[in-house]
Amino acid sequence: YKALMLCGVNQLSDGTIKLIRKFVSDGGSLVVCGSTPKGIDGDSLDDVLGIKHYGESKTDRAYLRIPDDYKDTLWAKWEYARPYVLVFGRHPFVKPDKAVSIAPIVTLGSEYQLGTHAPAKPSEYSAIALNTFGKGKTAFCALNLAQDYWKRANSGAKYVLGGLLNHVLPDRTVEVDSEETLQITLAKRKKEMIVHLLSYIPERR
C-alpha cells in the first residue's frame, strides 16, 4: 500500500497536483489536514478530496469530535472518553461535494477562563471528510492536526491523525498492540522484511 500525507501545505509546484491525482486514482492513499494545497498553475486537490471551499475561519482554534460510528477506526482504542479535541490554528471552511462528512467543525463557546472556551455547537462546515477517488481513498481534516501536535503535544490531534491513516490504510504491514513507548521501524533487504522494535521514551516533541 502507498500513502501520502500533506499537513499544512499551501502550494505545490506546477504539475504536482496532477501527479497526486494520478497517484490516488491508481490506488494510492492520501491524508490532508489544514490547508488544501494548490498548484502554481491554479489546479487543486478539491476534486480528489471531494470537497468545496467556502472561505477561511477568523478564529485561531476550533473543536472536533469523532462520532460513535467511527470510534473504532479513527480514535485510540485505549482512550475511552473520546472528548472534544481542541485544535489551534486558522482553518478553511469546506463542505462535502462527493465526500462524506463524518464530523463537523464545532465552534467556540463563551470564555470561562482567561482565553479558554468550551465547545459550543456544530457548524455547517466539515471537520473531517472521507472520499474515494478512482481506486484510492482520501481523508481530509480542516483543522491542522499535525501542526498543533508539534507545537502543543496535543494528544487528541495525534489520535485523530493516526485514525485518518488507519482509515485510508486498513491493511497494515505490521500492527503492534503495545505501549505508546514502543517504536517500530521496517526495512527491506532483498526478499527479507526486517522489523525492529525499540522501547524508547522520546522527548516531548
C-alpha atoms as a PDB file:
ATOM      1  CA  TYR A   1       0.000   0.000   0.000  1.00  0.00           C
ATOM      2  CA  LYS A   2       1.135   3.531  -0.777  1.00  0.00           C
ATOM      3  CA  ALA A   3       0.222   6.585   1.257  1.00  0.00           C
ATOM      4  CA  LEU A   4       0.906  10.313   1.078  1.00  0.00           C
ATOM      5  CA  MET A   5       0.286  12.796   3.896  1.00  0.00           C
ATOM      6  CA  LEU A   6       0.153  16.573   3.382  1.00  0.00           C
ATOM      7  CA  CYS A   7      -0.181  18.698   6.525  1.00  0.00           C
ATOM      8  CA  GLY A   8      -0.339  22.484   6.354  1.00  0.00           C
ATOM      9  CA  VAL A   9       0.872  22.565   2.740  1.00  0.00           C
ATOM     10  CA  ASN A  10      -0.461  25.626   0.906  1.00  0.00           C
ATOM     11  CA  GLN A  11       1.159  25.392  -2.506  1.00  0.00           C
ATOM     12  CA  LEU A  12       2.832  22.798  -4.696  1.00  0.00           C
ATOM     13  CA  SER A  13       4.974  23.104  -7.794  1.00  0.00           C
ATOM     14  CA  ASP A  14       3.437  23.137 -11.256  1.00  0.00           C
ATOM     15  CA  GLY A  15       2.145  19.716 -12.256  1.00  0.00           C
ATOM     16  CA  THR A  16       2.470  18.130  -8.785  1.00  0.00           C
ATOM     17  CA  ILE A  17      -1.295  18.182  -8.270  1.00  0.00           C
ATOM     18  CA  LYS A  18      -1.728  16.124 -11.449  1.00  0.00           C
ATOM     19  CA  LEU A  19       0.810  13.593 -10.182  1.00  0.00           C
ATOM     20  CA  ILE A  20      -1.014  13.292  -6.843  1.00  0.00           C
ATOM     21  CA  ARG A  21      -4.366  12.962  -8.630  1.00  0.00           C
ATOM     22  CA  LYS A  22      -2.995  10.065 -10.700  1.00  0.00           C
ATOM     23  CA  PHE A  23      -1.361   8.524  -7.609  1.00  0.00           C
ATOM     24  CA  VAL A  24      -4.707   8.374  -5.773  1.00  0.00           C
ATOM     25  CA  SER A  25      -6.694   7.347  -8.851  1.00  0.00           C
ATOM     26  CA  ASP A  26      -4.328   4.403  -9.335  1.00  0.00           C
ATOM     27  CA  GLY A  27      -4.962   3.165  -5.783  1.00  0.00           C
ATOM     28  CA  GLY A  28      -2.822   5.366  -3.553  1.00  0.00           C
ATOM     29  CA  SER A  29      -3.997   6.770  -0.216  1.00  0.00           C
ATOM     30  CA  LEU A  30      -3.986  10.461   0.696  1.00  0.00           C
ATOM     31  CA  VAL A  31      -4.381  12.256   4.033  1.00  0.00           C
ATOM     32  CA  VAL A  32      -4.586  16.064   4.063  1.00  0.00           C
ATOM     33  CA  CYS A  33      -5.028  18.257   7.129  1.00  0.00           C
ATOM     34  CA  GLY A  34      -5.108  22.015   7.491  1.00  0.00           C
ATOM     35  CA  SER A  35      -4.989  23.917   4.227  1.00  0.00           C
ATOM     36  CA  THR A  36      -5.623  22.200   0.904  1.00  0.00           C
ATOM     37  CA  PRO A  37      -2.625  22.541  -1.421  1.00  0.00           C
ATOM     38  CA  LYS A  38      -2.918  24.381  -4.711  1.00  0.00           C
ATOM     39  CA  GLY A  39      -0.637  24.194  -7.697  1.00  0.00           C
ATOM     40  CA  ILE A  40       1.101  27.249  -9.116  1.00  0.00           C
ATOM     41  CA  ASP A  41      -0.972  26.686 -12.253  1.00  0.00           C
ATOM     42  CA  GLY A  42      -4.187  27.088 -10.214  1.00  0.00           C
ATOM     43  CA  ASP A  43      -5.049  23.390 -10.010  1.00  0.00           C
ATOM     44  CA  SER A  44      -6.188  21.972  -6.649  1.00  0.00           C
ATOM     45  CA  LEU A  45      -6.895  18.701  -4.847  1.00  0.00           C
ATOM     46  CA  ASP A  46     -10.536  19.572  -4.151  1.00  0.00           C
ATOM     47  CA  ASP A  47     -11.853  17.012  -6.636  1.00  0.00           C
ATOM     48  CA  VAL A  48      -9.601  14.303  -5.180  1.00  0.00           C
ATOM     49  CA  LEU A  49     -10.747  15.112  -1.630  1.00  0.00           C
ATOM     50  CA  GLY A  50     -14.369  15.563  -2.725  1.00  0.00           C
ATOM     51  CA  ILE A  51     -14.833  18.959  -1.065  1.00  0.00           C
ATOM     52  CA  LYS A  52     -15.709  22.597  -1.882  1.00  0.00           C
ATOM     53  CA  HIS A  53     -14.268  25.701  -0.219  1.00  0.00           C
ATOM     54  CA  TYR A  54     -16.292  28.473   1.415  1.00  0.00           C
ATOM     55  CA  GLY A  55     -13.624  30.774   2.848  1.00  0.00           C
ATOM     56  CA  GLU A  56     -11.448  30.654   5.942  1.00  0.00           C
ATOM     57  CA  SER A  57     -12.028  31.000   9.665  1.00  0.00           C
ATOM     58  CA  LYS A  58     -11.406  34.218  11.542  1.00  0.00           C
ATOM     59  CA  THR A  59     -10.770  32.414  14.824  1.00  0.00           C
ATOM     60  CA  ASP A  60      -7.499  30.622  15.520  1.00  0.00           C
ATOM     61  CA  ARG A  61      -8.977  27.455  17.060  1.00  0.00           C
ATOM     62  CA  ALA A  62     -11.935  25.095  16.880  1.00  0.00           C
ATOM     63  CA  TYR A  63     -13.130  21.717  18.158  1.00  0.00           C
ATOM     64  CA  LEU A  64     -13.917  18.386  16.562  1.00  0.00           C
ATOM     65  CA  ARG A  65     -15.137  15.089  17.973  1.00  0.00           C
ATOM     66  CA  ILE A  66     -15.012  11.616  16.438  1.00  0.00           C
ATOM     67  CA  PRO A  67     -18.582  10.210  16.201  1.00  0.00           C
ATOM     68  CA  ASP A  68     -19.632   6.845  17.619  1.00  0.00           C
ATOM     69  CA  ASP A  69     -19.801   5.149  14.215  1.00  0.00           C
ATOM     70  CA  TYR A  70     -16.102   5.829  13.554  1.00  0.00           C
ATOM     71  CA  LYS A  71     -14.563   5.484  17.026  1.00  0.00           C
ATOM     72  CA  ASP A  72     -13.061   2.051  16.309  1.00  0.00           C
ATOM     73  CA  THR A  73     -11.230   3.326  13.228  1.00  0.00           C
ATOM     74  CA  LEU A  74     -10.489   6.975  13.897  1.00  0.00           C
ATOM     75  CA  TRP A  75      -9.809   7.041  17.645  1.00  0.00           C
ATOM     76  CA  ALA A  76      -7.312   5.422  20.010  1.00  0.00           C
ATOM     77  CA  LYS A  77      -8.595   2.158  21.491  1.00  0.00           C
ATOM     78  CA  TRP A  78      -7.208   2.941  24.971  1.00  0.00           C
ATOM     79  CA  GLU A  79      -8.828   6.393  25.231  1.00  0.00           C
ATOM     80  CA  TYR A  80     -12.424   5.595  26.186  1.00  0.00           C
ATOM     81  CA  ALA A  81     -13.598   9.145  26.900  1.00  0.00           C
ATOM     82  CA  ARG A  82     -13.395  10.376  23.301  1.00  0.00           C
ATOM     83  CA  PRO A  83     -13.672  14.068  24.256  1.00  0.00           C
ATOM     84  CA  TYR A  84     -13.897  17.105  22.019  1.00  0.00           C
ATOM     85  CA  VAL A  85     -10.453  17.836  20.594  1.00  0.00           C
ATOM     86  CA  LEU A  86      -9.384  21.467  20.597  1.00  0.00           C
ATOM     87  CA  VAL A  87      -7.054  22.254  17.672  1.00  0.00           C
ATOM     88  CA  PHE A  88      -5.246  25.578  17.328  1.00  0.00           C
ATOM     89  CA  GLY A  89      -4.712  27.379  14.038  1.00  0.00           C
ATOM     90  CA  ARG A  90      -6.897  29.038  11.415  1.00  0.00           C
ATOM     91  CA  HIS A  91      -8.668  26.614   9.133  1.00  0.00           C
ATOM     92  CA  PRO A  92     -10.586  26.506   5.846  1.00  0.00           C
ATOM     93  CA  PHE A  93     -14.366  26.240   5.687  1.00  0.00           C
ATOM     94  CA  VAL A  94     -15.294  23.296   3.479  1.00  0.00           C
ATOM     95  CA  LYS A  95     -18.401  21.271   2.681  1.00  0.00           C
ATOM     96  CA  PRO A  96     -18.556  17.860   1.028  1.00  0.00           C
ATOM     97  CA  ASP A  97     -19.019  17.711  -2.706  1.00  0.00           C
ATOM     98  CA  LYS A  98     -18.638  13.975  -3.295  1.00  0.00           C
ATOM     99  CA  ALA A  99     -17.024  13.190   0.053  1.00  0.00           C
ATOM    100  CA  VAL A 100     -18.831  12.032   3.194  1.00  0.00           C
ATOM    101  CA  SER A 101     -18.631  14.468   6.094  1.00  0.00           C
ATOM    102  CA  ILE A 102     -18.401  12.463   9.316  1.00  0.00           C
ATOM    103  CA  ALA A 103     -17.670  15.252  11.810  1.00  0.00           C
ATOM    104  CA  PRO A 104     -18.462  18.981  11.759  1.00  0.00           C
ATOM    105  CA  ILE A 105     -16.286  21.805  12.988  1.00  0.00           C
ATOM    106  CA  VAL A 106     -17.537  22.693  16.457  1.00  0.00           C
ATOM    107  CA  THR A 107     -17.434  26.403  17.243  1.00  0.00           C
ATOM    108  CA  LEU A 108     -16.117  28.019  20.405  1.00  0.00           C
ATOM    109  CA  GLY A 109     -18.474  28.804  23.244  1.00  0.00           C
ATOM    110  CA  SER A 110     -18.256  31.617  25.758  1.00  0.00           C
ATOM    111  CA  GLU A 111     -14.993  32.210  27.593  1.00  0.00           C
ATOM    112  CA  TYR A 112     -14.933  30.596  31.036  1.00  0.00           C
ATOM    113  CA  GLN A 113     -11.273  31.203  31.893  1.00  0.00           C
ATOM    114  CA  LEU A 114      -8.731  33.602  30.501  1.00  0.00           C
ATOM    115  CA  GLY A 115      -8.556  32.635  26.804  1.00  0.00           C
ATOM    116  CA  THR A 116     -10.338  29.305  27.374  1.00  0.00           C
ATOM    117  CA  HIS A 117     -13.554  28.411  25.545  1.00  0.00           C
ATOM    118  CA  ALA A 118     -15.748  25.344  25.828  1.00  0.00           C
ATOM    119  CA  PRO A 119     -17.160  23.704  22.680  1.00  0.00           C
ATOM    120  CA  ALA A 120     -20.433  25.288  21.603  1.00  0.00           C
ATOM    121  CA  LYS A 121     -22.445  23.950  18.669  1.00  0.00           C
ATOM    122  CA  PRO A 122     -21.625  22.115  15.440  1.00  0.00           C
ATOM    123  CA  SER A 123     -21.167  24.377  12.441  1.00  0.00           C
ATOM    124  CA  GLU A 124     -22.307  23.734   8.877  1.00  0.00           C
ATOM    125  CA  TYR A 125     -18.723  23.062   7.789  1.00  0.00           C
ATOM    126  CA  SER A 126     -16.846  19.771   7.790  1.00  0.00           C
ATOM    127  CA  ALA A 127     -14.008  18.998  10.152  1.00  0.00           C
ATOM    128  CA  ILE A 128     -13.433  15.543   8.631  1.00  0.00           C
ATOM    129  CA  ALA A 129     -14.436  14.384   5.153  1.00  0.00           C
ATOM    130  CA  LEU A 130     -13.744  10.922   3.717  1.00  0.00           C
ATOM    131  CA  ASN A 131     -13.728  10.190  -0.001  1.00  0.00           C
ATOM    132  CA  THR A 132     -12.857   7.626  -2.645  1.00  0.00           C
ATOM    133  CA  PHE A 133     -11.254   8.780  -5.868  1.00  0.00           C
ATOM    134  CA  GLY A 134     -10.712   6.226  -8.577  1.00  0.00           C
ATOM    135  CA  LYS A 135      -9.163   3.212  -6.870  1.00  0.00           C
ATOM    136  CA  GLY A 136      -7.795   5.243  -3.953  1.00  0.00           C
ATOM    137  CA  LYS A 137      -9.060   6.629  -0.648  1.00  0.00           C
ATOM    138  CA  THR A 138      -8.658  10.081   0.866  1.00  0.00           C
ATOM    139  CA  ALA A 139      -9.190  11.627   4.286  1.00  0.00           C
ATOM    140  CA  PHE A 140      -9.325  15.372   4.873  1.00  0.00           C
ATOM    141  CA  CYS A 141      -9.327  17.272   8.174  1.00  0.00           C
ATOM    142  CA  ALA A 142      -9.853  21.022   8.016  1.00  0.00           C
ATOM    143  CA  LEU A 143      -8.030  21.513  11.335  1.00  0.00           C
ATOM    144  CA  ASN A 144      -4.243  21.321  11.234  1.00  0.00           C
ATOM    145  CA  LEU A 145      -3.715  18.299  13.475  1.00  0.00           C
ATOM    146  CA  ALA A 146      -0.010  17.836  12.758  1.00  0.00           C
ATOM    147  CA  GLN A 147       0.909  21.461  13.429  1.00  0.00           C
ATOM    148  CA  ASP A 148      -0.927  21.510  16.757  1.00  0.00           C
ATOM    149  CA  TYR A 149       0.602  18.198  17.820  1.00  0.00           C
ATOM    150  CA  TRP A 150       4.056  19.555  17.036  1.00  0.00           C
ATOM    151  CA  LYS A 151       3.514  22.878  18.822  1.00  0.00           C
ATOM    152  CA  ARG A 152       1.444  21.769  21.838  1.00  0.00           C
ATOM    153  CA  ALA A 153       1.927  17.975  22.031  1.00  0.00           C
ATOM    154  CA  ASN A 154      -1.852  17.704  21.506  1.00  0.00           C
ATOM    155  CA  SER A 155      -2.537  14.003  22.107  1.00  0.00           C
ATOM    156  CA  GLY A 156      -6.101  14.215  20.773  1.00  0.00           C
ATOM    157  CA  ALA A 157      -4.821  15.623  17.478  1.00  0.00           C
ATOM    158  CA  LYS A 158      -2.326  12.751  17.312  1.00  0.00           C
ATOM    159  CA  TYR A 159      -5.100  10.164  17.819  1.00  0.00           C
ATOM    160  CA  VAL A 160      -7.251  11.663  15.056  1.00  0.00           C
ATOM    161  CA  LEU A 161      -4.339  11.939  12.629  1.00  0.00           C
ATOM    162  CA  GLY A 162      -3.427   8.313  13.297  1.00  0.00           C
ATOM    163  CA  GLY A 163      -7.063   7.353  12.818  1.00  0.00           C
ATOM    164  CA  LEU A 164      -7.184   9.008   9.412  1.00  0.00           C
ATOM    165  CA  LEU A 165      -4.195   6.899   8.392  1.00  0.00           C
ATOM    166  CA  ASN A 166      -5.988   3.824   9.740  1.00  0.00           C
ATOM    167  CA  HIS A 167      -8.949   4.644   7.526  1.00  0.00           C
ATOM    168  CA  VAL A 168      -7.036   5.006   4.271  1.00  0.00           C
ATOM    169  CA  LEU A 169      -4.669   2.112   5.077  1.00  0.00           C
ATOM    170  CA  PRO A 170      -6.814  -0.542   6.793  1.00  0.00           C
ATOM    171  CA  ASP A 171      -4.377  -3.372   5.995  1.00  0.00           C
ATOM    172  CA  ARG A 172      -1.031  -2.662   7.607  1.00  0.00           C
ATOM    173  CA  THR A 173       2.250  -4.500   7.151  1.00  0.00           C
ATOM    174  CA  VAL A 174       2.820  -4.626  10.919  1.00  0.00           C
ATOM    175  CA  GLU A 175       0.443  -3.881  13.777  1.00  0.00           C
ATOM    176  CA  VAL A 176       1.606  -3.981  17.386  1.00  0.00           C
ATOM    177  CA  ASP A 177      -0.806  -3.571  20.283  1.00  0.00           C
ATOM    178  CA  SER A 178       1.535  -2.290  22.979  1.00  0.00           C
ATOM    179  CA  GLU A 179       2.554   0.753  24.982  1.00  0.00           C
ATOM    180  CA  GLU A 180       2.996   4.074  23.183  1.00  0.00           C
ATOM    181  CA  THR A 181       6.707   3.987  24.016  1.00  0.00           C
ATOM    182  CA  LEU A 182       7.282   1.169  21.527  1.00  0.00           C
ATOM    183  CA  GLN A 183       8.743   2.391  18.222  1.00  0.00           C
ATOM    184  CA  ILE A 184       8.613   0.262  15.078  1.00  0.00           C
ATOM    185  CA  THR A 185      10.981   0.507  12.120  1.00  0.00           C
ATOM    186  CA  LEU A 186      10.640  -1.529   8.928  1.00  0.00           C
ATOM    187  CA  ALA A 187      13.386  -2.204   6.422  1.00  0.00           C
ATOM    188  CA  LYS A 188      13.696  -4.382   3.334  1.00  0.00           C
ATOM    189  CA  ARG A 189      16.795  -6.277   2.240  1.00  0.00           C
ATOM    190  CA  LYS A 190      16.420  -8.257  -0.963  1.00  0.00           C
ATOM    191  CA  LYS A 191      13.472 -10.570  -0.202  1.00  0.00           C
ATOM    192  CA  GLU A 192      13.609 -10.079   3.562  1.00  0.00           C
ATOM    193  CA  MET A 193      11.477  -7.804   5.734  1.00  0.00           C
ATOM    194  CA  ILE A 194      13.225  -6.598   8.888  1.00  0.00           C
ATOM    195  CA  VAL A 195      11.056  -5.399  11.792  1.00  0.00           C
ATOM    196  CA  HIS A 196      12.900  -3.504  14.530  1.00  0.00           C
ATOM    197  CA  LEU A 197      11.075  -2.917  17.836  1.00  0.00           C
ATOM    198  CA  LEU A 198      12.505  -0.397  20.291  1.00  0.00           C
ATOM    199  CA  SER A 199      11.095   0.508  23.709  1.00  0.00           C
ATOM    200  CA  TYR A 200      12.006   4.172  23.986  1.00  0.00           C
ATOM    201  CA  ILE A 201      10.604   7.210  25.793  1.00  0.00           C
ATOM    202  CA  PRO A 202      11.201  10.192  23.480  1.00  0.00           C
ATOM    203  CA  GLU A 203      11.294  13.837  24.398  1.00  0.00           C
ATOM    204  CA  ARG A 204       8.047  15.768  24.375  1.00  0.00           C
ATOM    205  CA  ARG A 205       8.266  16.599  20.646  1.00  0.00           C
END
